[in-house]
Protein backbone atom coordinates (compact mmCIF):
# COMPACT_ATOMS: atom_id res chain seq x y z
CA MET A 1 0.00 0.00 0.00
CA ALA A 2 1.38 3.39 -1.00
CA LYS A 3 1.47 6.12 1.60
CA HIS A 4 -0.80 8.89 0.36
CA HIS A 5 -1.26 10.69 3.69
CA PRO A 6 0.71 10.88 6.95
CA ASN A 7 -2.27 9.45 8.87
CA LYS A 8 -2.70 5.71 8.33
CA GLU A 9 -6.53 5.72 8.53
CA ILE A 10 -6.83 8.48 5.94
CA SER A 11 -4.20 6.83 3.74
CA SER A 12 -6.22 3.60 3.87
CA ALA A 13 -9.39 5.49 2.93
CA ILE A 14 -7.58 7.01 -0.06
CA GLU A 15 -6.42 3.52 -1.10
CA TYR A 16 -10.04 2.35 -0.87
CA ALA A 17 -11.17 5.24 -3.10
CA LEU A 18 -8.44 4.49 -5.64
CA GLY A 19 -9.54 0.87 -5.69
CA MET A 20 -13.08 2.03 -6.52
CA GLY A 21 -11.79 3.96 -9.56
CA TRP A 22 -11.43 7.40 -8.00
CA ARG A 23 -8.46 9.65 -8.89
CA TYR A 24 -6.32 11.44 -6.26
CA GLU A 25 -4.50 14.72 -6.87
CA ILE A 26 -2.17 16.11 -4.23
CA SER A 27 -2.52 19.84 -3.58
CA SER A 28 -1.01 22.34 -1.18
CA GLY A 29 -2.41 24.30 1.72
CA HIS A 30 -5.11 23.15 4.11
CA ALA A 31 -6.24 20.38 1.79
CA HIS A 32 -3.68 17.61 1.36
CA GLY A 33 -5.36 16.64 -1.90
CA ARG A 34 -8.65 15.98 -3.65
CA LEU A 35 -10.41 12.81 -4.73
CA PHE A 36 -12.37 12.83 -8.00
CA CYS A 37 -15.02 10.24 -8.82
CA PRO A 38 -14.55 8.02 -11.90
CA ALA A 39 -17.34 9.80 -13.83
CA ASN A 40 -14.84 12.50 -14.89
CA ILE A 41 -17.67 14.88 -15.83
CA ARG A 42 -18.66 18.36 -14.84
CA GLY A 43 -20.62 18.04 -11.63
CA GLY A 44 -18.86 14.82 -10.62
CA CYS A 45 -18.12 14.06 -6.98
CA ILE A 46 -15.07 15.73 -5.43
CA LYS A 47 -13.89 15.11 -1.87
CA SER A 48 -11.18 17.22 -0.25
CA VAL A 49 -8.67 15.34 1.88
CA TYR A 50 -7.46 17.55 4.72
CA SER A 51 -3.86 17.65 5.91
CA THR A 52 -4.66 17.89 9.62
CA PRO A 53 -8.32 17.10 10.32
CA ARG A 54 -9.54 17.49 13.90
CA ASN A 55 -10.61 13.83 14.01
CA PRO A 56 -8.65 11.72 11.48
CA GLN A 57 -10.78 8.58 11.94
CA LYS A 58 -14.00 10.51 11.28
CA HIS A 59 -12.43 12.14 8.21
CA ALA A 60 -11.40 8.70 6.89
CA ASP A 61 -14.96 7.46 7.49
CA ASP A 62 -16.31 10.51 5.62
CA ILE A 63 -14.07 9.72 2.63
CA ILE A 64 -15.31 6.12 2.51
CA ARG A 65 -18.93 7.29 2.87
CA GLU A 66 -18.51 9.75 -0.02
CA VAL A 67 -17.03 7.02 -2.23
CA ASN A 68 -19.83 4.58 -1.37
CA ASN A 69 -22.57 7.18 -1.94
CA CYS A 70 -21.30 8.37 -5.33
CA ASP A 71 -24.23 8.41 -7.77
CA HIS A 72 -21.95 8.39 -10.81
CA VAL A 73 -21.05 4.71 -10.43
CA THR A 74 -23.77 2.49 -11.87
CA ILE A 75 -25.31 -0.39 -9.94
CA GLU A 76 -23.72 -2.88 -12.35
CA GLU A 77 -20.27 -1.45 -11.64
CA LYS A 78 -20.88 -1.69 -7.87
CA ASN A 79 -22.01 -5.33 -8.22
CA ASP A 80 -18.92 -6.23 -10.27
CA GLU A 81 -16.66 -5.31 -7.33
């Protein structure tokens, strides 16, 4: 597993998102990076990954929730995984 974030829970959540077809771009500033859903369209899901969230475990859970609730992945694609 590649290390995408200094916090292991958040790094694991990013790995989960990448496994679901999301794309991760590292940025600078308050946000460590951003996750983009596989739809790659205007209006697609984007989730900011914070560098130092107040509660890292909750932030990791939020990332996983956002990935699981993405409407741009069809039911067939979810069933294939």
